[in-house]
């Protein structure tokens, strides 16, 4: 596959995280620039942990997650970094340690979320940052942020990036 994307999760009654409606357009735009199929985009209720695990079982050139990321202790009683997805069977988080144990065959993982490169000094787990977890799981490269990323700006950056690379075959992702 050229593309698999997860975003615009359903976020209900949450004091920490808000809805991310801009991520829907971001994923659709990135999917179009990647010649993806509709079944490769997981939005709203479909952007859940179960589909995330299933969606990673096939190889893809680009894996894009447009959601909330969190660092250890941001969410009460959770001492690990992770991603927030739509709730499914009372499960709405996927943690870095779990991601690191997956078999991810992606050339490029794009984490369109806040603080995805976060690593707390002295943190005792081996997979303290999401980016490291995706690399351990087999991704060739990870695009991440080390700052709070406002939803509209994040989608603008990833759209421009993908369009530049897709339209210019001589330009590598590292350039």
C-alpha atoms as a PDB file:
ATOM      1  CA  UNK A   1       0.000   0.000   0.000  1.00  0.00           C
ATOM      2  CA  UNK A   2       1.072   3.565  -0.549  1.00  0.00           C
ATOM      3  CA  UNK A   3      -0.696   4.946   2.490  1.00  0.00           C
ATOM      4  CA  UNK A   4      -2.487   4.047   5.720  1.00  0.00           C
ATOM      5  CA  UNK A   5      -3.879   6.857   7.865  1.00  0.00           C
ATOM      6  CA  UNK A   6      -5.573   7.221  11.257  1.00  0.00           C
ATOM      7  CA  UNK A   7      -7.125  10.443  12.505  1.00  0.00           C
ATOM      8  CA  UNK A   8      -9.996  12.572  13.725  1.00  0.00           C
ATOM      9  CA  UNK A   9     -10.737  10.142  16.568  1.00  0.00           C
ATOM     10  CA  UNK A  10     -13.944  10.423  18.549  1.00  0.00           C
ATOM     11  CA  UNK A  11     -13.053  12.141  21.813  1.00  0.00           C
ATOM     12  CA  UNK A  12     -15.899  12.196  24.322  1.00  0.00           C
ATOM     13  CA  UNK A  13     -15.977  13.716  27.793  1.00  0.00           C
ATOM     14  CA  UNK A  14     -12.246  14.246  27.988  1.00  0.00           C
ATOM     15  CA  UNK A  15     -10.777  17.023  30.156  1.00  0.00           C
ATOM     16  CA  UNK A  16      -7.298  16.658  28.634  1.00  0.00           C
ATOM     17  CA  UNK A  17      -7.855  16.205  24.888  1.00  0.00           C
ATOM     18  CA  UNK A  18     -10.158  17.997  22.450  1.00  0.00           C
ATOM     19  CA  UNK A  19     -11.657  16.966  19.114  1.00  0.00           C
ATOM     20  CA  UNK A  20      -9.386  17.227  16.042  1.00  0.00           C
ATOM     21  CA  UNK A  21     -11.656  17.971  13.066  1.00  0.00           C
ATOM     22  CA  UNK A  22      -8.804  19.360  10.894  1.00  0.00           C
ATOM     23  CA  UNK A  23      -7.115  15.973  10.873  1.00  0.00           C
ATOM     24  CA  UNK A  24      -9.902  14.557   8.676  1.00  0.00           C
ATOM     25  CA  UNK A  25      -9.058  16.899   5.800  1.00  0.00           C
ATOM     26  CA  UNK A  26      -5.354  16.398   6.435  1.00  0.00           C
ATOM     27  CA  UNK A  27      -5.616  12.606   6.069  1.00  0.00           C
ATOM     28  CA  UNK A  28      -7.846  12.787   3.011  1.00  0.00           C
ATOM     29  CA  UNK A  29      -5.432  15.209   1.335  1.00  0.00           C
ATOM     30  CA  UNK A  30      -2.407  13.053   2.181  1.00  0.00           C
ATOM     31  CA  UNK A  31      -4.195   9.925   1.005  1.00  0.00           C
ATOM     32  CA  UNK A  32      -5.023  11.582  -2.321  1.00  0.00           C
ATOM     33  CA  UNK A  33      -1.426  12.693  -2.806  1.00  0.00           C
ATOM     34  CA  UNK A  34      -0.355   9.096  -2.082  1.00  0.00           C
ATOM     35  CA  UNK A  35      -2.870   7.434  -4.452  1.00  0.00           C
ATOM     36  CA  UNK A  36      -4.484   5.645  -1.512  1.00  0.00           C
ATOM     37  CA  UNK A  37      -7.819   3.846  -1.416  1.00  0.00           C
ATOM     38  CA  UNK A  38     -10.718   4.810   0.859  1.00  0.00           C
ATOM     39  CA  UNK A  39     -10.293   1.650   2.932  1.00  0.00           C
ATOM     40  CA  UNK A  40      -6.781   2.833   3.866  1.00  0.00           C
ATOM     41  CA  UNK A  41      -8.130   5.830   5.823  1.00  0.00           C
ATOM     42  CA  UNK A  42      -9.470   5.255   9.341  1.00  0.00           C
ATOM     43  CA  UNK A  43     -11.501   8.213  10.639  1.00  0.00           C
ATOM     44  CA  UNK A  44     -13.749   8.885  13.638  1.00  0.00           C
ATOM     45  CA  UNK A  45     -15.007   5.587  15.130  1.00  0.00           C
ATOM     46  CA  UNK A  46     -12.775   3.604  12.766  1.00  0.00           C
ATOM     47  CA  UNK A  47      -9.638   5.321  14.097  1.00  0.00           C
ATOM     48  CA  UNK A  48      -9.549   2.952  17.059  1.00  0.00           C
ATOM     49  CA  UNK A  49      -6.881   0.791  18.684  1.00  0.00           C
ATOM     50  CA  UNK A  50      -8.192  -2.451  17.177  1.00  0.00           C
ATOM     51  CA  UNK A  51      -8.078  -1.083  13.611  1.00  0.00           C
ATOM     52  CA  UNK A  52      -4.689   0.484  14.332  1.00  0.00           C
ATOM     53  CA  UNK A  53      -3.223  -2.915  15.187  1.00  0.00           C
ATOM     54  CA  UNK A  54      -4.882  -4.506  12.131  1.00  0.00           C
ATOM     55  CA  UNK A  55      -3.904  -1.658   9.807  1.00  0.00           C
ATOM     56  CA  UNK A  56      -0.248  -2.050  10.654  1.00  0.00           C
ATOM     57  CA  UNK A  57      -0.198  -5.704   9.608  1.00  0.00           C
ATOM     58  CA  UNK A  58       0.232  -4.792   5.942  1.00  0.00           C
ATOM     59  CA  UNK A  59       3.210  -2.930   4.573  1.00  0.00           C
ATOM     60  CA  UNK A  60       2.811   0.653   3.455  1.00  0.00           C
ATOM     61  CA  UNK A  61       5.055   3.373   2.153  1.00  0.00           C
ATOM     62  CA  UNK A  62       3.471   5.959   4.437  1.00  0.00           C
ATOM     63  CA  UNK A  63       1.742   5.540   7.766  1.00  0.00           C
ATOM     64  CA  UNK A  64       0.166   8.753   9.076  1.00  0.00           C
ATOM     65  CA  UNK A  65      -1.294   9.182  12.539  1.00  0.00           C
ATOM     66  CA  UNK A  66      -3.098  12.498  13.039  1.00  0.00           C
ATOM     67  CA  UNK A  67      -4.278  12.433  16.628  1.00  0.00           C
ATOM     68  CA  UNK A  68      -3.227  13.405  20.139  1.00  0.00           C
ATOM     69  CA  UNK A  69       0.048  12.097  21.495  1.00  0.00           C
ATOM     70  CA  UNK A  70       0.888  12.251  25.161  1.00  0.00           C
ATOM     71  CA  UNK A  71       3.994  11.982  27.272  1.00  0.00           C
ATOM     72  CA  UNK A  72       4.355  10.008  30.496  1.00  0.00           C
ATOM     73  CA  UNK A  73       2.172  11.261  33.349  1.00  0.00           C
ATOM     74  CA  UNK A  74       0.174  13.619  31.085  1.00  0.00           C
ATOM     75  CA  UNK A  75      -2.797  11.301  31.491  1.00  0.00           C
ATOM     76  CA  UNK A  76      -3.548  10.440  35.140  1.00  0.00           C
ATOM     77  CA  UNK A  77      -2.149   7.061  36.222  1.00  0.00           C
ATOM     78  CA  UNK A  78      -0.335   6.494  32.914  1.00  0.00           C
ATOM     79  CA  UNK A  79       3.452   6.524  33.135  1.00  0.00           C
ATOM     80  CA  UNK A  80       4.152   5.948  29.453  1.00  0.00           C
ATOM     81  CA  UNK A  81       3.896   7.908  26.221  1.00  0.00           C
ATOM     82  CA  UNK A  82       1.249   6.951  23.690  1.00  0.00           C
ATOM     83  CA  UNK A  83      -1.432   7.931  21.209  1.00  0.00           C
ATOM     84  CA  UNK A  84      -5.100   8.647  21.768  1.00  0.00           C
ATOM     85  CA  UNK A  85      -7.498   6.922  19.374  1.00  0.00           C
ATOM     86  CA  UNK A  86     -11.273   6.389  19.338  1.00  0.00           C
ATOM     87  CA  UNK A  87     -12.493   4.205  22.142  1.00  0.00           C
ATOM     88  CA  UNK A  88     -13.192   0.585  21.242  1.00  0.00           C
ATOM     89  CA  UNK A  89     -13.967  -2.038  23.881  1.00  0.00           C
ATOM     90  CA  UNK A  90     -12.996   0.523  26.543  1.00  0.00           C
ATOM     91  CA  UNK A  91      -9.546   0.853  24.984  1.00  0.00           C
ATOM     92  CA  UNK A  92      -8.546   4.253  23.628  1.00  0.00           C
ATOM     93  CA  UNK A  93      -4.791   4.474  24.137  1.00  0.00           C
ATOM     94  CA  UNK A  94      -1.960   2.677  22.425  1.00  0.00           C
ATOM     95  CA  UNK A  95       1.326   2.940  24.278  1.00  0.00           C
ATOM     96  CA  UNK A  96       4.912   3.213  23.048  1.00  0.00           C
ATOM     97  CA  UNK A  97       5.870  -0.153  24.564  1.00  0.00           C
ATOM     98  CA  UNK A  98       3.049  -1.850  22.632  1.00  0.00           C
ATOM     99  CA  UNK A  99       3.916  -0.072  19.381  1.00  0.00           C
ATOM    100  CA  UNK A 100       7.536  -1.191  19.747  1.00  0.00           C
ATOM    101  CA  UNK A 101       6.369  -4.823  19.834  1.00  0.00           C
ATOM    102  CA  UNK A 102       4.378  -4.540  16.591  1.00  0.00           C
ATOM    103  CA  UNK A 103       5.783  -5.534  13.217  1.00  0.00           C
ATOM    104  CA  UNK A 104       5.589  -2.315  11.206  1.00  0.00           C
ATOM    105  CA  UNK A 105       6.675  -2.452   7.583  1.00  0.00           C
ATOM    106  CA  UNK A 106       6.469   1.224   6.645  1.00  0.00           C
ATOM    107  CA  UNK A 107       8.996   3.363   4.850  1.00  0.00           C
ATOM    108  CA  UNK A 108       7.786   6.474   6.586  1.00  0.00           C
ATOM    109  CA  UNK A 109       5.707   7.069   9.722  1.00  0.00           C
ATOM    110  CA  UNK A 110       4.314  10.576  10.100  1.00  0.00           C
ATOM    111  CA  UNK A 111       3.196  11.486  13.611  1.00  0.00           C
ATOM    112  CA  UNK A 112       1.048  14.569  13.119  1.00  0.00           C
ATOM    113  CA  UNK A 113       0.564  15.190  16.825  1.00  0.00           C
ATOM    114  CA  UNK A 114       2.041  17.228  19.679  1.00  0.00           C
ATOM    115  CA  UNK A 115       5.277  16.272  21.424  1.00  0.00           C
ATOM    116  CA  UNK A 116       5.767  12.944  19.662  1.00  0.00           C
ATOM    117  CA  UNK A 117       9.532  13.093  20.155  1.00  0.00           C
ATOM    118  CA  UNK A 118       9.187  13.508  23.901  1.00  0.00           C
ATOM    119  CA  UNK A 119      11.592  11.507  26.031  1.00  0.00           C
ATOM    120  CA  UNK A 120      11.735  12.153  29.773  1.00  0.00           C
ATOM    121  CA  UNK A 121      15.199  11.888  31.303  1.00  0.00           C
ATOM    122  CA  UNK A 122      15.331   9.113  33.824  1.00  0.00           C
ATOM    123  CA  UNK A 123      12.235   7.409  32.500  1.00  0.00           C
ATOM    124  CA  UNK A 124      12.677   3.725  33.263  1.00  0.00           C
ATOM    125  CA  UNK A 125      10.892   2.109  30.297  1.00  0.00           C
ATOM    126  CA  UNK A 126      12.882   1.288  27.162  1.00  0.00           C
ATOM    127  CA  UNK A 127      10.418   2.959  24.781  1.00  0.00           C
ATOM    128  CA  UNK A 128       9.955   6.401  26.274  1.00  0.00           C
ATOM    129  CA  UNK A 129       9.274   8.132  22.970  1.00  0.00           C
ATOM    130  CA  UNK A 130       6.808   7.262  20.263  1.00  0.00           C
ATOM    131  CA  UNK A 131       9.328   7.885  17.510  1.00  0.00           C
ATOM    132  CA  UNK A 132      11.744   5.384  19.008  1.00  0.00           C
ATOM    133  CA  UNK A 133       8.909   2.861  19.395  1.00  0.00           C
ATOM    134  CA  UNK A 134       8.017   3.069  15.699  1.00  0.00           C
ATOM    135  CA  UNK A 135      11.674   2.674  14.688  1.00  0.00           C
ATOM    136  CA  UNK A 136      12.080  -0.340  16.985  1.00  0.00           C
ATOM    137  CA  UNK A 137       8.926  -1.828  15.412  1.00  0.00           C
ATOM    138  CA  UNK A 138      10.480  -1.632  11.951  1.00  0.00           C
ATOM    139  CA  UNK A 139       9.655   1.746  10.408  1.00  0.00           C
ATOM    140  CA  UNK A 140      12.462   3.088   8.216  1.00  0.00           C
ATOM    141  CA  UNK A 141      11.951   6.711   9.270  1.00  0.00           C
ATOM    142  CA  UNK A 142       9.692   8.823  11.469  1.00  0.00           C
ATOM    143  CA  UNK A 143       8.589  12.427  11.072  1.00  0.00           C
ATOM    144  CA  UNK A 144       7.727  13.873  14.478  1.00  0.00           C
ATOM    145  CA  UNK A 145       7.520  17.059  16.500  1.00  0.00           C
ATOM    146  CA  UNK A 146       9.111  18.189  19.740  1.00  0.00           C
ATOM    147  CA  UNK A 147       6.581  20.914  20.411  1.00  0.00           C
ATOM    148  CA  UNK A 148       2.857  21.527  20.722  1.00  0.00           C
ATOM    149  CA  UNK A 149       1.397  21.289  17.246  1.00  0.00           C
ATOM    150  CA  UNK A 150      -1.768  23.206  16.509  1.00  0.00           C
ATOM    151  CA  UNK A 151      -4.054  21.100  14.297  1.00  0.00           C
ATOM    152  CA  UNK A 152      -4.371  23.506  11.358  1.00  0.00           C
ATOM    153  CA  UNK A 153      -0.607  24.145  11.173  1.00  0.00           C
ATOM    154  CA  UNK A 154       0.170  20.448  11.433  1.00  0.00           C
ATOM    155  CA  UNK A 155      -2.053  19.606   8.500  1.00  0.00           C
ATOM    156  CA  UNK A 156      -0.558  22.439   6.419  1.00  0.00           C
ATOM    157  CA  UNK A 157       2.971  21.207   7.071  1.00  0.00           C
ATOM    158  CA  UNK A 158       2.269  17.559   6.230  1.00  0.00           C
ATOM    159  CA  UNK A 159       0.266  18.422   3.090  1.00  0.00           C
ATOM    160  CA  UNK A 160       3.041  20.636   1.746  1.00  0.00           C
ATOM    161  CA  UNK A 161       5.683  18.063   2.614  1.00  0.00           C
ATOM    162  CA  UNK A 162       3.893  15.180   0.906  1.00  0.00           C
ATOM    163  CA  UNK A 163       2.995  17.243  -2.147  1.00  0.00           C
ATOM    164  CA  UNK A 164       6.601  18.405  -2.573  1.00  0.00           C
ATOM    165  CA  UNK A 165       8.015  14.891  -2.297  1.00  0.00           C
ATOM    166  CA  UNK A 166       5.302  13.204  -4.347  1.00  0.00           C
ATOM    167  CA  UNK A 167       5.527  15.746  -7.176  1.00  0.00           C
ATOM    168  CA  UNK A 168       9.328  15.755  -7.239  1.00  0.00           C
ATOM    169  CA  UNK A 169      10.519  12.156  -7.537  1.00  0.00           C
ATOM    170  CA  UNK A 170      14.168  13.289  -7.379  1.00  0.00           C
ATOM    171  CA  UNK A 171      13.690  14.717  -3.889  1.00  0.00           C
ATOM    172  CA  UNK A 172      14.246  12.284  -1.016  1.00  0.00           C
ATOM    173  CA  UNK A 173      12.269  12.475   2.221  1.00  0.00           C
ATOM    174  CA  UNK A 174      15.465  13.404   4.068  1.00  0.00           C
ATOM    175  CA  UNK A 175      15.982  16.454   1.873  1.00  0.00           C
END
